[in-house]
Structure formats: C-alpha cells, structure tokens
Amino acid sequence: AITECSVMADIGLADALTALGELDEARHIYTRAQARAAAHGLPVLQALVDESLALLDLAQEFIMLADVFNGGSFDGFGMAIGSADDHAPSPPCVS
C-alpha cells in the first residue's frame, strides 16, 4: 500500500509539473512512476501514467506546431507572446 501511495504521489507531482509547463521534468517523473507501477504490479496506475504520457506527447506536439506558426513566439501555455498592442481590440469602423 505504501508503494501504491508513493506511485500515486509521483503521478500527482508529474501532473503538477505539467500544469506548470515543466514538461521535461514531468516526463521524467511519469517515466519513473510507470516503471515503479510495472515493477510492483499496479496495472491501473500504469495505465494512468500511459494516458498521462500520451497527453503530454500531444501537448508537446501542439506547442511545437503552434511555435512554428507563431514565428517562435509561443510561451508553452497556449498564449502567443507579444506586446499588449498585439492583442488590443481593433478600433470600430468609422463611416
């Protein structure tokens, strides 16, 4: 039971790191949790880590593609980086 809780703690830590944008460290912790879950016969936790790693892969692919389309100005959280003027509303049409 202690091992199961420890693996769950690793998964939670990796989830938090992912939310903070620390994707490489999150992958490291997920990989550790996956190995430990497999070694201790915890298939449900192993499946949870498999899903989390797949979602992390998707997020990294999205970031890479968005970065390409935004000319290298992507912050990793889905927001284009630029000046406040870049995001200001357009002035109303004047007739």
Protein backbone atom coordinates (compact mmCIF):
# COMPACT_ATOMS: atom_id res chain seq x y z
CA ALA A 1 0.00 0.00 0.00
CA ILE A 2 2.91 2.36 0.72
CA THR A 3 4.34 1.74 -2.75
CA GLU A 4 0.93 2.38 -4.32
CA CYS A 5 0.63 5.70 -2.49
CA SER A 6 4.18 6.62 -3.48
CA VAL A 7 3.47 5.93 -7.15
CA MET A 8 0.26 7.97 -6.90
CA ALA A 9 2.31 10.81 -5.37
CA ASP A 10 4.72 10.66 -8.32
CA ILE A 11 1.77 10.86 -10.73
CA GLY A 12 0.38 13.86 -8.86
CA LEU A 13 3.78 15.56 -8.90
CA ALA A 14 4.12 14.97 -12.63
CA ASP A 15 0.59 16.31 -13.18
CA ALA A 16 1.51 19.48 -11.28
CA LEU A 17 4.77 19.86 -13.21
CA THR A 18 2.83 19.50 -16.45
CA ALA A 19 0.40 22.22 -15.36
CA LEU A 20 3.37 24.49 -14.58
CA GLY A 21 4.86 23.89 -18.02
CA GLU A 22 7.83 21.89 -16.72
CA LEU A 23 7.26 19.22 -19.37
CA ASP A 24 10.70 17.59 -19.39
CA GLU A 25 10.71 17.11 -15.62
CA ALA A 26 7.10 15.88 -15.76
CA ARG A 27 8.11 13.28 -18.35
CA HIS A 28 10.95 12.15 -16.09
CA ILE A 29 8.62 11.69 -13.11
CA TYR A 30 5.92 9.97 -15.21
CA THR A 31 8.54 7.56 -16.56
CA ARG A 32 9.71 6.77 -13.03
CA ALA A 33 6.12 6.23 -11.88
CA GLN A 34 5.45 3.98 -14.88
CA ALA A 35 8.48 1.80 -14.12
CA ARG A 36 7.59 1.54 -10.44
CA ALA A 37 3.93 0.74 -11.19
CA ALA A 38 5.02 -2.04 -13.56
CA ALA A 39 7.58 -3.42 -11.10
CA HIS A 40 5.02 -3.61 -8.28
CA GLY A 41 2.12 -4.97 -10.33
CA LEU A 42 -0.10 -1.89 -10.27
CA PRO A 43 -1.80 -2.05 -13.68
CA VAL A 44 -4.35 0.70 -13.05
CA LEU A 45 -1.65 3.19 -12.09
CA GLN A 46 0.45 2.03 -15.02
CA ALA A 47 -2.47 2.70 -17.36
CA LEU A 48 -2.99 6.14 -15.77
CA VAL A 49 0.66 7.00 -16.43
CA ASP A 50 0.37 5.70 -20.01
CA GLU A 51 -2.55 8.08 -20.57
CA SER A 52 -0.73 10.99 -18.94
CA LEU A 53 2.35 10.40 -21.11
CA ALA A 54 0.16 10.30 -24.23
CA LEU A 55 -1.46 13.60 -23.24
CA LEU A 56 1.97 15.08 -22.56
CA ASP A 57 3.08 13.99 -26.05
CA LEU A 58 0.03 15.72 -27.54
CA ALA A 59 0.72 18.89 -25.56
CA GLN A 60 4.33 18.98 -26.70
CA GLU A 61 3.30 18.40 -30.31
CA PHE A 62 0.76 21.24 -30.03
CA ILE A 63 3.37 23.56 -28.54
CA MET A 64 5.85 22.71 -31.29
CA LEU A 65 3.31 23.31 -34.07
CA ALA A 66 1.98 26.49 -32.50
CA ASP A 67 5.53 27.75 -32.09
CA VAL A 68 6.19 27.17 -35.79
CA PHE A 69 3.02 29.00 -36.82
CA ASN A 70 3.64 31.88 -34.41
CA GLY A 71 7.17 32.51 -35.63
CA GLY A 72 8.86 31.21 -32.49
CA SER A 73 6.79 33.26 -30.07
CA PHE A 74 4.87 30.68 -28.10
CA ASP A 75 5.04 30.51 -24.32
CA GLY A 76 4.11 26.85 -23.88
CA PHE A 77 0.75 27.57 -22.30
CA GLY A 78 -1.23 28.27 -25.44
CA MET A 79 -0.60 32.01 -25.48
CA ALA A 80 1.22 33.89 -28.18
CA ILE A 81 3.86 36.20 -26.76
CA GLY A 82 3.79 39.79 -27.99
CA SER A 83 3.09 43.32 -26.92
CA ALA A 84 -0.22 44.37 -25.43
CA ASP A 85 -0.93 46.16 -28.72
CA ASP A 86 -0.90 42.78 -30.49
CA HIS A 87 -3.97 41.75 -28.50
CA ALA A 88 -5.80 45.05 -28.33
CA PRO A 89 -9.24 45.17 -29.92
CA SER A 90 -9.46 46.75 -33.34
CA PRO A 91 -10.91 50.25 -33.47
CA PRO A 92 -14.53 50.47 -34.59
CA CYS A 93 -15.23 51.17 -38.24
CA VAL A 94 -15.78 54.86 -38.96
CA SER A 95 -18.05 55.79 -41.83
